[in-house]
Amino acid sequence: MFIKRKGIVALLLSSLILGGCQMSDKQSNETKPVEQKPSEVTVEELPNTRALQDEFTREMIKSTKETEKGYYTLESKTGVYEMLFPTGGEIDGIGYTRDGDNGESFLVGLLYDDKAEAQLSIQYTKNLLNDETGIEYAKEFLTNNIGEEMKFDRIDGKEKVTYVAPFTKKNGVLYGYGAYIHPKEGWGGLEIIYTGSCMDNPKSCGPDEKEFKKRAYKLISSVEFLNKNEVKQ
């Protein structure tokens, strides 16, 4: 009798363990992120992130699944480029402008998990030749937008070239990085201005200078031109 009871107990334990594993697998499958366009998901089912809860912003997010932790992929409405986009980003839909696939301009308010804030300005233009004259014009235009002299570093990628420089103005109230990125072949390019703001010296603001630069460079370096034929004149 004792042996039989031991057998029953062992069987019950086995069933519980097996059932627990099956439930865990089922729960894992239910919570595993699925690659879907935000437009394919009801608002109630969308992840509770600032980017996807904003109606205009989610129109430009490629998938509800994070590309990497804390970032989605933004897909330009011109169809020419894409880049990483923080989950705490929100595009100013009222200020968004677009000229077919020839140009696009918009502002983004960024809020990170550590409550640090930043602003991102994006301006794409197709009608610019990326020869020496065109690139100098693009850098001059960027410098004028920021309002101070900038010393650019050139970064050569496999299919793109990036010119990037730091800036600080207004006694440290405004600081950040400006960049011009263009494909190695074809016309056009992207101007990016990543800005932080503080009422004191930038070094006293969060995040620290190293982390701020890391976040700026992460977005700037993530730009990819989708089809070289689309940026040719």
C-alpha atoms as a PDB file:
ATOM      1  CA  MET A   1       0.000   0.000   0.000  1.00  0.00           C
ATOM      2  CA  PHE A   2       2.801   2.364   0.917  1.00  0.00           C
ATOM      3  CA  ILE A   3       4.570   1.582  -2.367  1.00  0.00           C
ATOM      4  CA  LYS A   4       1.397   2.336  -4.331  1.00  0.00           C
ATOM      5  CA  ARG A   5       0.956   5.678  -2.560  1.00  0.00           C
ATOM      6  CA  LYS A   6       4.568   6.588  -3.308  1.00  0.00           C
ATOM      7  CA  GLY A   7       3.907   5.780  -6.935  1.00  0.00           C
ATOM      8  CA  ILE A   8       0.810   7.986  -7.021  1.00  0.00           C
ATOM      9  CA  VAL A   9       2.655  10.882  -5.399  1.00  0.00           C
ATOM     10  CA  ALA A  10       5.509  10.532  -7.887  1.00  0.00           C
ATOM     11  CA  LEU A  11       3.007  10.490 -10.760  1.00  0.00           C
ATOM     12  CA  LEU A  12       1.274  13.637  -9.443  1.00  0.00           C
ATOM     13  CA  LEU A  13       4.592  15.451  -9.043  1.00  0.00           C
ATOM     14  CA  SER A  14       5.582  14.445 -12.556  1.00  0.00           C
ATOM     15  CA  SER A  15       2.265  15.741 -13.906  1.00  0.00           C
ATOM     16  CA  LEU A  16       2.642  19.038 -12.055  1.00  0.00           C
ATOM     17  CA  ILE A  17       6.185  19.567 -13.314  1.00  0.00           C
ATOM     18  CA  LEU A  18       5.209  18.685 -16.883  1.00  0.00           C
ATOM     19  CA  GLY A  19       2.125  20.883 -16.703  1.00  0.00           C
ATOM     20  CA  GLY A  20       4.188  23.720 -15.265  1.00  0.00           C
ATOM     21  CA  CYS A  21       6.675  23.446 -18.109  1.00  0.00           C
ATOM     22  CA  GLN A  22       3.864  23.443 -20.670  1.00  0.00           C
ATOM     23  CA  MET A  23       2.277  26.500 -19.051  1.00  0.00           C
ATOM     24  CA  SER A  24       5.629  28.302 -18.988  1.00  0.00           C
ATOM     25  CA  ASP A  25       6.142  27.531 -22.678  1.00  0.00           C
ATOM     26  CA  LYS A  26       2.630  28.742 -23.463  1.00  0.00           C
ATOM     27  CA  GLN A  27       3.110  31.961 -21.475  1.00  0.00           C
ATOM     28  CA  SER A  28       6.480  32.493 -23.132  1.00  0.00           C
ATOM     29  CA  ASN A  29       4.904  32.182 -26.567  1.00  0.00           C
ATOM     30  CA  GLU A  30       2.110  34.572 -25.616  1.00  0.00           C
ATOM     31  CA  THR A  31       4.462  37.265 -24.328  1.00  0.00           C
ATOM     32  CA  LYS A  32       7.156  36.864 -26.981  1.00  0.00           C
ATOM     33  CA  PRO A  33       7.220  40.035 -29.145  1.00  0.00           C
ATOM     34  CA  VAL A  34       5.847  39.495 -32.637  1.00  0.00           C
ATOM     35  CA  GLU A  35       7.090  41.504 -35.618  1.00  0.00           C
ATOM     36  CA  GLN A  36       4.072  43.528 -36.754  1.00  0.00           C
ATOM     37  CA  LYS A  37       3.494  46.956 -38.197  1.00  0.00           C
ATOM     38  CA  PRO A  38       1.783  49.231 -35.648  1.00  0.00           C
ATOM     39  CA  SER A  39      -1.084  49.705 -38.126  1.00  0.00           C
ATOM     40  CA  GLU A  40      -1.774  45.962 -37.920  1.00  0.00           C
ATOM     41  CA  VAL A  41      -2.342  46.089 -34.164  1.00  0.00           C
ATOM     42  CA  THR A  42      -5.239  47.657 -32.258  1.00  0.00           C
ATOM     43  CA  VAL A  43      -4.351  50.620 -30.092  1.00  0.00           C
ATOM     44  CA  GLU A  44      -5.247  48.636 -26.966  1.00  0.00           C
ATOM     45  CA  GLU A  45      -2.759  45.906 -27.892  1.00  0.00           C
ATOM     46  CA  LEU A  46       0.151  48.220 -28.714  1.00  0.00           C
ATOM     47  CA  PRO A  47       3.115  48.282 -26.317  1.00  0.00           C
ATOM     48  CA  ASN A  48       2.780  51.058 -23.755  1.00  0.00           C
ATOM     49  CA  THR A  49       5.651  53.153 -25.084  1.00  0.00           C
ATOM     50  CA  ARG A  50       5.599  56.855 -25.889  1.00  0.00           C
ATOM     51  CA  ALA A  51       6.483  56.231 -29.546  1.00  0.00           C
ATOM     52  CA  LEU A  52       3.681  53.751 -30.223  1.00  0.00           C
ATOM     53  CA  GLN A  53       1.020  55.433 -28.124  1.00  0.00           C
ATOM     54  CA  ASP A  54       1.355  58.604 -30.203  1.00  0.00           C
ATOM     55  CA  GLU A  55      -0.790  58.347 -33.334  1.00  0.00           C
ATOM     56  CA  PHE A  56       1.501  60.237 -35.705  1.00  0.00           C
ATOM     57  CA  THR A  57       4.761  58.768 -34.451  1.00  0.00           C
ATOM     58  CA  ARG A  58       3.679  55.146 -34.862  1.00  0.00           C
ATOM     59  CA  GLU A  59       2.970  55.787 -38.554  1.00  0.00           C
ATOM     60  CA  MET A  60       6.749  55.955 -39.036  1.00  0.00           C
ATOM     61  CA  ILE A  61       7.700  53.016 -36.804  1.00  0.00           C
ATOM     62  CA  LYS A  62       8.559  49.921 -38.827  1.00  0.00           C
ATOM     63  CA  SER A  63       7.562  47.276 -36.279  1.00  0.00           C
ATOM     64  CA  THR A  64       6.034  46.979 -32.813  1.00  0.00           C
ATOM     65  CA  LYS A  65       9.005  44.760 -31.935  1.00  0.00           C
ATOM     66  CA  GLU A  66      12.034  46.611 -30.590  1.00  0.00           C
ATOM     67  CA  THR A  67      15.024  46.460 -32.943  1.00  0.00           C
ATOM     68  CA  GLU A  68      17.174  46.450 -29.826  1.00  0.00           C
ATOM     69  CA  LYS A  69      16.404  47.227 -26.218  1.00  0.00           C
ATOM     70  CA  GLY A  70      14.955  50.715 -25.955  1.00  0.00           C
ATOM     71  CA  TYR A  71      14.849  51.362 -29.704  1.00  0.00           C
ATOM     72  CA  TYR A  72      12.486  50.813 -32.623  1.00  0.00           C
ATOM     73  CA  THR A  73      13.309  51.374 -36.284  1.00  0.00           C
ATOM     74  CA  LEU A  74      11.973  54.565 -37.860  1.00  0.00           C
ATOM     75  CA  GLU A  75      11.147  54.321 -41.556  1.00  0.00           C
ATOM     76  CA  SER A  76      11.103  57.612 -43.475  1.00  0.00           C
ATOM     77  CA  LYS A  77       7.921  58.415 -45.358  1.00  0.00           C
ATOM     78  CA  THR A  78      10.118  59.197 -48.360  1.00  0.00           C
ATOM     79  CA  GLY A  79      11.134  55.520 -48.412  1.00  0.00           C
ATOM     80  CA  VAL A  80      14.783  56.580 -48.764  1.00  0.00           C
ATOM     81  CA  TYR A  81      16.262  55.947 -45.308  1.00  0.00           C
ATOM     82  CA  GLU A  82      15.659  54.390 -41.915  1.00  0.00           C
ATOM     83  CA  MET A  83      17.305  54.729 -38.494  1.00  0.00           C
ATOM     84  CA  LEU A  84      16.993  53.732 -34.838  1.00  0.00           C
ATOM     85  CA  PHE A  85      14.333  55.567 -32.853  1.00  0.00           C
ATOM     86  CA  PRO A  86      14.085  55.598 -29.022  1.00  0.00           C
ATOM     87  CA  THR A  87      10.908  54.053 -27.582  1.00  0.00           C
ATOM     88  CA  GLY A  88      10.487  57.300 -25.629  1.00  0.00           C
ATOM     89  CA  GLY A  89      10.503  59.436 -28.767  1.00  0.00           C
ATOM     90  CA  GLU A  90       7.556  61.449 -30.058  1.00  0.00           C
ATOM     91  CA  ILE A  91       7.435  63.192 -33.446  1.00  0.00           C
ATOM     92  CA  ASP A  92       5.858  66.628 -33.743  1.00  0.00           C
ATOM     93  CA  GLY A  93       3.194  65.745 -36.306  1.00  0.00           C
ATOM     94  CA  ILE A  94       2.026  69.343 -36.710  1.00  0.00           C
ATOM     95  CA  GLY A  95       5.507  70.508 -37.719  1.00  0.00           C
ATOM     96  CA  TYR A  96       6.196  67.562 -40.034  1.00  0.00           C
ATOM     97  CA  THR A  97       6.737  68.505 -43.694  1.00  0.00           C
ATOM     98  CA  ARG A  98       7.395  66.391 -46.771  1.00  0.00           C
ATOM     99  CA  ASP A  99       7.889  66.991 -50.480  1.00  0.00           C
ATOM    100  CA  GLY A 100       7.211  63.563 -52.004  1.00  0.00           C
ATOM    101  CA  ASP A 101      10.477  61.637 -51.942  1.00  0.00           C
ATOM    102  CA  ASN A 102      12.487  64.851 -52.473  1.00  0.00           C
ATOM    103  CA  GLY A 103      12.563  66.011 -48.885  1.00  0.00           C
ATOM    104  CA  GLU A 104      11.340  65.571 -45.340  1.00  0.00           C
ATOM    105  CA  SER A 105      11.690  67.566 -42.129  1.00  0.00           C
ATOM    106  CA  PHE A 106      10.507  66.966 -38.548  1.00  0.00           C
ATOM    107  CA  LEU A 107      11.306  67.405 -34.857  1.00  0.00           C
ATOM    108  CA  VAL A 108      11.354  64.698 -32.175  1.00  0.00           C
ATOM    109  CA  GLY A 109      11.085  65.058 -28.409  1.00  0.00           C
ATOM    110  CA  LEU A 110      13.053  62.310 -26.654  1.00  0.00           C
ATOM    111  CA  LEU A 111      12.490  61.006 -23.134  1.00  0.00           C
ATOM    112  CA  TYR A 112      14.791  58.246 -21.902  1.00  0.00           C
ATOM    113  CA  ASP A 113      14.191  55.748 -19.109  1.00  0.00           C
ATOM    114  CA  ASP A 114      16.439  57.746 -16.767  1.00  0.00           C
ATOM    115  CA  LYS A 115      14.187  60.806 -17.375  1.00  0.00           C
ATOM    116  CA  ALA A 116      16.871  62.577 -19.420  1.00  0.00           C
ATOM    117  CA  GLU A 117      15.403  64.650 -22.258  1.00  0.00           C
ATOM    118  CA  ALA A 118      16.747  65.583 -25.677  1.00  0.00           C
ATOM    119  CA  GLN A 119      15.519  66.933 -28.992  1.00  0.00           C
ATOM    120  CA  LEU A 120      16.181  65.503 -32.425  1.00  0.00           C
ATOM    121  CA  SER A 121      15.907  67.521 -35.637  1.00  0.00           C
ATOM    122  CA  ILE A 122      15.827  65.599 -38.933  1.00  0.00           C
ATOM    123  CA  GLN A 123      16.004  67.164 -42.378  1.00  0.00           C
ATOM    124  CA  TYR A 124      16.396  65.103 -45.538  1.00  0.00           C
ATOM    125  CA  THR A 125      16.953  66.589 -48.989  1.00  0.00           C
ATOM    126  CA  LYS A 126      17.343  64.725 -52.244  1.00  0.00           C
ATOM    127  CA  ASN A 127      18.376  67.644 -54.428  1.00  0.00           C
ATOM    128  CA  LEU A 128      21.985  68.017 -53.354  1.00  0.00           C
ATOM    129  CA  LEU A 129      25.005  66.685 -55.210  1.00  0.00           C
ATOM    130  CA  ASN A 130      27.502  65.074 -52.848  1.00  0.00           C
ATOM    131  CA  ASP A 131      30.627  66.410 -54.502  1.00  0.00           C
ATOM    132  CA  GLU A 132      33.062  68.678 -52.653  1.00  0.00           C
ATOM    133  CA  THR A 133      30.951  71.775 -53.302  1.00  0.00           C
ATOM    134  CA  GLY A 134      27.686  70.101 -52.266  1.00  0.00           C
ATOM    135  CA  ILE A 135      29.137  68.699 -49.049  1.00  0.00           C
ATOM    136  CA  GLU A 136      30.638  72.040 -48.073  1.00  0.00           C
ATOM    137  CA  TYR A 137      27.252  73.660 -48.707  1.00  0.00           C
ATOM    138  CA  ALA A 138      25.546  71.026 -46.517  1.00  0.00           C
ATOM    139  CA  LYS A 139      28.016  71.588 -43.659  1.00  0.00           C
ATOM    140  CA  GLU A 140      27.674  75.360 -43.967  1.00  0.00           C
ATOM    141  CA  PHE A 141      23.885  75.068 -43.919  1.00  0.00           C
ATOM    142  CA  LEU A 142      24.082  72.901 -40.782  1.00  0.00           C
ATOM    143  CA  THR A 143      26.471  75.357 -39.124  1.00  0.00           C
ATOM    144  CA  ASN A 144      24.102  78.240 -39.881  1.00  0.00           C
ATOM    145  CA  ASN A 145      21.178  76.295 -38.406  1.00  0.00           C
ATOM    146  CA  ILE A 146      23.088  75.806 -35.160  1.00  0.00           C
ATOM    147  CA  GLY A 147      24.590  79.287 -35.167  1.00  0.00           C
ATOM    148  CA  GLU A 148      28.242  78.659 -34.405  1.00  0.00           C
ATOM    149  CA  GLU A 149      31.427  77.451 -36.060  1.00  0.00           C
ATOM    150  CA  MET A 150      31.830  73.667 -36.062  1.00  0.00           C
ATOM    151  CA  LYS A 151      34.788  71.378 -36.678  1.00  0.00           C
ATOM    152  CA  PHE A 152      33.569  68.211 -38.391  1.00  0.00           C
ATOM    153  CA  ASP A 153      35.003  64.718 -38.137  1.00  0.00           C
ATOM    154  CA  ARG A 154      34.551  62.537 -41.210  1.00  0.00           C
ATOM    155  CA  ILE A 155      33.458  58.923 -40.660  1.00  0.00           C
ATOM    156  CA  ASP A 156      33.530  56.617 -43.689  1.00  0.00           C
ATOM    157  CA  GLY A 157      31.083  53.717 -43.653  1.00  0.00           C
ATOM    158  CA  LYS A 158      30.565  50.930 -46.140  1.00  0.00           C
ATOM    159  CA  GLU A 159      27.818  52.708 -48.073  1.00  0.00           C
ATOM    160  CA  LYS A 160      27.668  56.162 -46.463  1.00  0.00           C
ATOM    161  CA  VAL A 161      29.796  59.051 -45.248  1.00  0.00           C
ATOM    162  CA  THR A 162      29.097  60.975 -42.024  1.00  0.00           C
ATOM    163  CA  TYR A 163      30.324  64.417 -41.004  1.00  0.00           C
ATOM    164  CA  VAL A 164      29.703  65.087 -37.303  1.00  0.00           C
ATOM    165  CA  ALA A 165      30.657  67.843 -34.852  1.00  0.00           C
ATOM    166  CA  PRO A 166      29.793  68.867 -31.280  1.00  0.00           C
ATOM    167  CA  PHE A 167      28.451  72.305 -30.379  1.00  0.00           C
ATOM    168  CA  THR A 168      27.718  74.385 -27.292  1.00  0.00           C
ATOM    169  CA  LYS A 169      26.080  77.789 -27.310  1.00  0.00           C
ATOM    170  CA  LYS A 170      24.169  80.264 -25.169  1.00  0.00           C
ATOM    171  CA  ASN A 171      26.459  79.727 -22.169  1.00  0.00           C
ATOM    172  CA  GLY A 172      25.743  76.007 -22.046  1.00  0.00           C
ATOM    173  CA  VAL A 173      21.960  76.274 -22.152  1.00  0.00           C
ATOM    174  CA  LEU A 174      21.982  74.420 -25.470  1.00  0.00           C
ATOM    175  CA  TYR A 175      24.473  71.733 -26.470  1.00  0.00           C
ATOM    176  CA  GLY A 176      24.641  68.698 -28.720  1.00  0.00           C
ATOM    177  CA  TYR A 177      25.895  67.189 -31.977  1.00  0.00           C
ATOM    178  CA  GLY A 178      25.215  68.052 -35.591  1.00  0.00           C
ATOM    179  CA  ALA A 179      25.749  65.682 -38.515  1.00  0.00           C
ATOM    180  CA  TYR A 180      25.382  65.455 -42.266  1.00  0.00           C
ATOM    181  CA  ILE A 181      25.096  61.918 -43.662  1.00  0.00           C
ATOM    182  CA  HIS A 182      25.032  61.015 -47.329  1.00  0.00           C
ATOM    183  CA  PRO A 183      25.232  57.816 -49.414  1.00  0.00           C
ATOM    184  CA  LYS A 184      28.523  57.149 -51.194  1.00  0.00           C
ATOM    185  CA  GLU A 185      26.634  56.927 -54.464  1.00  0.00           C
ATOM    186  CA  GLY A 186      23.852  59.212 -55.607  1.00  0.00           C
ATOM    187  CA  TRP A 187      22.354  62.498 -54.530  1.00  0.00           C
ATOM    188  CA  GLY A 188      20.921  63.815 -51.298  1.00  0.00           C
ATOM    189  CA  GLY A 189      21.615  63.462 -47.615  1.00  0.00           C
ATOM    190  CA  LEU A 190      20.352  63.754 -44.077  1.00  0.00           C
ATOM    191  CA  GLU A 191      20.964  66.562 -41.592  1.00  0.00           C
ATOM    192  CA  ILE A 192      20.637  65.531 -37.936  1.00  0.00           C
ATOM    193  CA  ILE A 193      20.846  67.806 -34.900  1.00  0.00           C
ATOM    194  CA  TYR A 194      20.773  66.088 -31.500  1.00  0.00           C
ATOM    195  CA  THR A 195      20.281  68.604 -28.701  1.00  0.00           C
ATOM    196  CA  GLY A 196      20.207  68.568 -24.914  1.00  0.00           C
ATOM    197  CA  SER A 197      19.267  71.566 -22.812  1.00  0.00           C
ATOM    198  CA  CYS A 198      20.013  72.705 -19.301  1.00  0.00           C
ATOM    199  CA  MET A 199      19.741  75.891 -17.291  1.00  0.00           C
ATOM    200  CA  ASP A 200      23.227  75.294 -15.906  1.00  0.00           C
ATOM    201  CA  ASN A 201      26.543  74.045 -17.267  1.00  0.00           C
ATOM    202  CA  PRO A 202      26.055  70.919 -19.485  1.00  0.00           C
ATOM    203  CA  LYS A 203      28.402  68.934 -17.242  1.00  0.00           C
ATOM    204  CA  SER A 204      25.923  69.256 -14.382  1.00  0.00           C
ATOM    205  CA  CYS A 205      23.031  67.856 -16.426  1.00  0.00           C
ATOM    206  CA  GLY A 206      22.001  64.237 -16.884  1.00  0.00           C
ATOM    207  CA  PRO A 207      23.151  62.118 -18.493  1.00  0.00           C
ATOM    208  CA  ASP A 208      26.877  62.718 -18.177  1.00  0.00           C
ATOM    209  CA  GLU A 209      28.845  63.960 -21.167  1.00  0.00           C
ATOM    210  CA  LYS A 210      30.045  60.489 -22.172  1.00  0.00           C
ATOM    211  CA  GLU A 211      26.556  58.974 -22.112  1.00  0.00           C
ATOM    212  CA  PHE A 212      25.085  61.979 -23.928  1.00  0.00           C
ATOM    213  CA  LYS A 213      27.611  61.559 -26.754  1.00  0.00           C
ATOM    214  CA  LYS A 214      26.942  57.820 -26.877  1.00  0.00           C
ATOM    215  CA  ARG A 215      23.201  58.407 -27.332  1.00  0.00           C
ATOM    216  CA  ALA A 216      23.739  61.029 -30.026  1.00  0.00           C
ATOM    217  CA  TYR A 217      26.204  58.891 -31.970  1.00  0.00           C
ATOM    218  CA  LYS A 218      23.949  55.843 -31.674  1.00  0.00           C
ATOM    219  CA  LEU A 219      21.184  57.589 -33.615  1.00  0.00           C
ATOM    220  CA  ILE A 220      23.493  59.324 -36.074  1.00  0.00           C
ATOM    221  CA  SER A 221      25.423  56.146 -36.907  1.00  0.00           C
ATOM    222  CA  SER A 222      22.243  54.068 -37.284  1.00  0.00           C
ATOM    223  CA  VAL A 223      21.108  55.852 -40.476  1.00  0.00           C
ATOM    224  CA  GLU A 224      20.817  53.521 -43.465  1.00  0.00           C
ATOM    225  CA  PHE A 225      19.907  54.492 -47.018  1.00  0.00           C
ATOM    226  CA  LEU A 226      17.520  51.836 -48.274  1.00  0.00           C
ATOM    227  CA  ASN A 227      17.962  51.987 -52.027  1.00  0.00           C
ATOM    228  CA  LYS A 228      20.776  53.859 -53.756  1.00  0.00           C
ATOM    229  CA  ASN A 229      18.670  54.123 -56.915  1.00  0.00           C
ATOM    230  CA  GLU A 230      16.115  56.190 -55.000  1.00  0.00           C
ATOM    231  CA  VAL A 231      18.653  58.841 -54.077  1.00  0.00           C
ATOM    232  CA  LYS A 232      19.995  59.277 -57.594  1.00  0.00           C
ATOM    233  CA  GLN A 233      18.928  62.296 -59.594  1.00  0.00           C
END
